[in-house]
């Protein structure tokens, strides 16, 4: 059985899945859409290496094995329909909602939940929303916040060692067969903001029509290849 989203196909193998990373890139809830050759290859390898890194740091992820050129063997998760955003600096929708200047430091890491629904434009949610609407319970929500902050801080430290600033990132979580909160989906320049002295190394290049983002994605991949598979 295979299901398909905007940037990935998921092959269900029972207790495991195979994620096929496509060459598609989207923005604006899918309103903007292009196909960039080798994007799936780049993002699948970055995801594999960063999830392996997080596994080694004690963050539970779906990752089991990288299958070149563009697939990952992973744990099967019951996904929670949330985007979990960890912010270290002000940018993007945060500034549109609350003001401030791009790149302005937040006093502490901030975790936001948004409901995964393109038609509703991914509205913000609090823990009470999750409980009342039956999306998940408070215990799981608080565990997601804990794991998201831990993963974000480890990734921030990794990129700082390589001269890049991690401003924010989007995670998705699910529950594995043992009932444990587990990081799933993808970790790549598609799902984070990476900067260096004003230079962009993430999907904002595509959002803002600043050129071919894969040139900078490849720089990120080269850094991540310091993590062995």
Protein backbone atom coordinates (compact mmCIF):
# COMPACT_ATOMS: atom_id res chain seq x y z
CA UNK A 1 0.00 0.00 0.00
CA UNK A 2 1.33 3.44 -0.93
CA UNK A 3 0.04 6.83 0.17
CA UNK A 4 1.31 10.06 -1.34
CA UNK A 5 1.74 13.60 -0.06
CA UNK A 6 3.16 16.76 -1.61
CA UNK A 7 6.81 15.79 -1.22
CA UNK A 8 6.85 12.09 -0.24
CA UNK A 9 5.32 8.71 -0.93
CA UNK A 10 4.94 6.25 1.94
CA UNK A 11 5.01 2.49 1.32
CA UNK A 12 3.39 0.54 4.16
CA UNK A 13 5.27 -2.64 5.03
CA UNK A 14 3.36 -3.48 8.21
CA UNK A 15 5.48 -2.56 11.23
CA UNK A 16 7.78 -0.45 9.04
CA UNK A 17 7.43 1.97 6.13
CA UNK A 18 9.57 3.10 3.23
CA UNK A 19 9.55 6.86 2.62
CA UNK A 20 10.19 7.85 -0.99
CA UNK A 21 11.35 11.48 -1.19
CA UNK A 22 10.05 13.17 -4.34
CA UNK A 23 11.69 15.98 -6.28
CA UNK A 24 8.69 18.25 -5.64
CA UNK A 25 8.98 21.53 -3.75
CA UNK A 26 5.97 23.53 -2.57
CA UNK A 27 5.13 26.72 -0.70
CA UNK A 28 2.03 28.61 0.36
CA UNK A 29 -0.01 25.54 1.34
CA UNK A 30 0.81 23.97 -2.02
CA UNK A 31 -0.18 27.03 -4.10
CA UNK A 32 3.39 27.24 -5.41
CA UNK A 33 4.77 23.97 -6.77
CA UNK A 34 7.79 22.95 -8.83
CA UNK A 35 9.88 19.84 -9.47
CA UNK A 36 13.65 20.17 -8.95
CA UNK A 37 15.82 17.30 -10.12
CA UNK A 38 17.73 15.55 -7.28
CA UNK A 39 15.86 17.37 -4.51
CA UNK A 40 14.49 14.08 -3.18
CA UNK A 41 17.97 12.59 -3.10
CA UNK A 42 19.41 15.57 -1.19
CA UNK A 43 16.58 15.83 1.35
CA UNK A 44 16.42 12.09 2.05
CA UNK A 45 20.14 11.91 2.81
CA UNK A 46 20.08 15.03 5.00
CA UNK A 47 17.07 13.64 6.88
CA UNK A 48 18.79 10.28 7.36
CA UNK A 49 21.98 11.77 8.74
CA UNK A 50 20.28 14.29 11.04
CA UNK A 51 17.83 11.72 12.40
CA UNK A 52 20.70 9.31 13.06
CA UNK A 53 22.48 12.16 14.88
CA UNK A 54 19.39 12.80 17.01
CA UNK A 55 18.98 9.09 17.74
CA UNK A 56 22.53 9.13 19.10
CA UNK A 57 21.64 12.15 21.26
CA UNK A 58 18.70 10.32 22.84
CA UNK A 59 15.89 11.77 20.72
CA UNK A 60 13.61 9.01 19.41
CA UNK A 61 13.13 9.24 15.65
CA UNK A 62 11.55 7.07 12.98
CA UNK A 63 14.90 6.49 11.23
CA UNK A 64 16.13 2.92 10.69
CA UNK A 65 18.13 2.93 7.45
CA UNK A 66 19.02 5.14 4.50
CA UNK A 67 18.25 3.51 1.14
CA UNK A 68 20.07 5.50 -1.56
CA UNK A 69 19.34 7.47 -3.55
CA UNK A 70 16.04 8.81 -2.16
CA UNK A 71 14.42 6.42 0.34
CA UNK A 72 14.39 5.85 4.09
CA UNK A 73 13.35 2.71 5.95
CA UNK A 74 11.55 3.85 9.06
CA UNK A 75 9.37 2.83 11.98
CA UNK A 76 5.67 2.95 11.27
CA UNK A 77 4.11 5.74 13.33
CA UNK A 78 0.58 6.82 14.07
CA UNK A 79 1.12 10.43 13.04
CA UNK A 80 -0.37 13.31 15.01
CA UNK A 81 -1.74 15.94 12.57
CA UNK A 82 0.39 18.79 13.89
CA UNK A 83 3.31 20.85 12.73
CA UNK A 84 5.51 21.48 15.75
CA UNK A 85 7.62 24.59 15.26
CA UNK A 86 10.65 25.34 17.42
CA UNK A 87 11.79 28.94 17.20
CA UNK A 88 15.07 30.47 18.34
CA UNK A 89 14.71 33.72 16.37
CA UNK A 90 11.84 35.79 15.02
CA UNK A 91 11.02 35.15 11.35
CA UNK A 92 8.22 34.46 8.88
CA UNK A 93 4.71 34.01 10.25
CA UNK A 94 5.85 34.80 13.79
CA UNK A 95 6.64 38.39 12.76
CA UNK A 96 3.37 38.69 10.83
CA UNK A 97 1.45 37.70 13.96
CA UNK A 98 3.44 39.34 16.75
CA UNK A 99 5.77 41.91 15.17
CA UNK A 100 9.50 42.28 15.63
CA UNK A 101 12.44 42.12 13.24
CA UNK A 102 13.68 39.17 11.22
CA UNK A 103 16.54 37.43 12.99
CA UNK A 104 15.78 38.99 16.37
CA UNK A 105 16.69 36.58 19.17
CA UNK A 106 13.95 35.11 21.32
CA UNK A 107 14.72 34.99 25.07
CA UNK A 108 14.11 31.22 25.15
CA UNK A 109 13.27 28.45 22.64
CA UNK A 110 9.58 28.67 21.76
CA UNK A 111 7.42 25.73 20.66
CA UNK A 112 4.26 26.35 18.61
CA UNK A 113 1.63 23.87 17.44
CA UNK A 114 -0.22 24.34 14.16
CA UNK A 115 -2.96 22.05 12.87
CA UNK A 116 -1.99 20.35 9.59
CA UNK A 117 -4.77 21.51 7.28
CA UNK A 118 -4.05 23.44 4.08
CA UNK A 119 -7.67 24.57 3.68
CA UNK A 120 -7.58 26.17 7.14
CA UNK A 121 -4.02 27.46 6.53
CA UNK A 122 -2.52 25.51 9.47
CA UNK A 123 -4.06 27.48 12.38
CA UNK A 124 -2.17 27.88 15.64
CA UNK A 125 -3.30 25.63 18.49
CA UNK A 126 -2.65 25.47 22.22
CA UNK A 127 -2.62 22.36 24.41
CA UNK A 128 -6.28 22.91 25.33
CA UNK A 129 -7.22 22.89 21.63
CA UNK A 130 -5.51 19.53 21.24
CA UNK A 131 -7.45 18.08 24.16
CA UNK A 132 -10.88 19.53 23.35
CA UNK A 133 -10.68 18.63 19.65
CA UNK A 134 -9.43 15.12 20.42
CA UNK A 135 -6.14 15.52 18.56
CA UNK A 136 -4.04 14.27 21.47
CA UNK A 137 -3.95 14.42 25.25
CA UNK A 138 -2.02 16.76 27.54
CA UNK A 139 0.58 14.17 28.51
CA UNK A 140 1.54 13.51 24.89
CA UNK A 141 1.44 17.23 24.03
CA UNK A 142 3.86 18.05 26.85
CA UNK A 143 6.13 15.18 25.82
CA UNK A 144 6.15 16.52 22.23
CA UNK A 145 7.18 19.96 23.53
CA UNK A 146 10.01 18.38 25.53
CA UNK A 147 11.26 16.27 22.60
CA UNK A 148 10.93 19.13 20.09
CA UNK A 149 13.01 21.47 22.26
CA UNK A 150 15.63 18.78 22.84
CA UNK A 151 15.87 18.00 19.11
CA UNK A 152 15.98 21.68 18.19
CA UNK A 153 18.78 22.47 20.63
CA UNK A 154 20.88 19.52 19.43
CA UNK A 155 20.43 20.58 15.79
CA UNK A 156 21.22 24.21 16.63
CA UNK A 157 24.46 23.13 18.28
CA UNK A 158 25.37 20.91 15.32
CA UNK A 159 24.92 23.69 12.76
CA UNK A 160 26.70 26.25 14.92
CA UNK A 161 29.79 24.02 14.82
CA UNK A 162 29.63 24.29 11.02
CA UNK A 163 29.13 28.06 10.94
CA UNK A 164 25.36 28.18 10.32
CA UNK A 165 22.60 29.66 12.46
CA UNK A 166 19.44 27.62 12.96
CA UNK A 167 16.59 30.12 13.37
CA UNK A 168 13.64 27.74 13.50
CA UNK A 169 12.43 24.35 12.31
CA UNK A 170 9.24 22.35 11.79
CA UNK A 171 8.90 18.85 13.22
CA UNK A 172 6.17 16.24 12.96
CA UNK A 173 5.63 13.57 15.60
CA UNK A 174 3.83 10.27 15.86
CA UNK A 175 3.38 7.40 18.26
CA UNK A 176 5.33 4.17 17.65
CA UNK A 177 4.16 0.61 18.32
CA UNK A 178 5.42 0.87 21.92
CA UNK A 179 3.35 4.00 22.61
CA UNK A 180 6.37 6.27 22.56
CA UNK A 181 6.42 9.78 21.10
CA UNK A 182 8.68 9.60 18.05
CA UNK A 183 9.99 12.21 15.59
CA UNK A 184 8.90 11.44 12.03
CA UNK A 185 8.54 12.96 8.56
CA UNK A 186 11.62 14.96 7.52
CA UNK A 187 14.48 17.19 8.71
CA UNK A 188 15.96 19.18 5.84
CA UNK A 189 16.30 22.75 4.53
CA UNK A 190 12.64 22.33 3.49
CA UNK A 191 11.69 22.29 7.17
CA UNK A 192 14.05 24.80 8.80
CA UNK A 193 15.58 28.24 8.48
CA UNK A 194 19.38 28.19 8.22
CA UNK A 195 21.39 31.39 7.83
CA UNK A 196 24.95 32.63 7.71
CA UNK A 197 25.59 36.39 7.83
CA UNK A 198 22.31 37.07 6.02
CA UNK A 199 22.85 34.30 3.45
CA UNK A 200 19.92 31.87 3.16
CA UNK A 201 20.40 28.09 3.12
CA UNK A 202 16.76 26.96 3.24
CA UNK A 203 13.40 26.97 1.43
CA UNK A 204 13.03 30.73 1.83
CA UNK A 205 15.13 30.90 -1.35
CA UNK A 206 12.21 29.23 -3.15
CA UNK A 207 9.49 31.11 -1.27
CA UNK A 208 11.07 34.46 -2.18
CA UNK A 209 12.07 33.54 -5.77
CA UNK A 210 15.78 34.07 -5.04
CA UNK A 211 17.10 31.35 -7.38
CA UNK A 212 17.68 27.62 -7.25
CA UNK A 213 17.56 26.48 -3.59
CA UNK A 214 19.34 23.20 -4.31
CA UNK A 215 22.71 24.95 -4.59
CA UNK A 216 22.46 25.81 -0.89
CA UNK A 217 20.78 22.50 0.02
CA UNK A 218 23.91 20.77 -1.30
CA UNK A 219 26.07 22.88 1.03
CA UNK A 220 23.94 21.67 3.95
CA UNK A 221 24.25 18.07 2.74
CA UNK A 222 28.04 18.38 2.63
CA UNK A 223 28.05 19.53 6.27
CA UNK A 224 25.76 16.68 7.30
CA UNK A 225 28.04 14.11 5.69
CA UNK A 226 30.23 14.49 8.78
CA UNK A 227 27.57 12.25 10.41
CA UNK A 228 28.30 8.67 9.40
CA UNK A 229 25.55 6.34 8.21
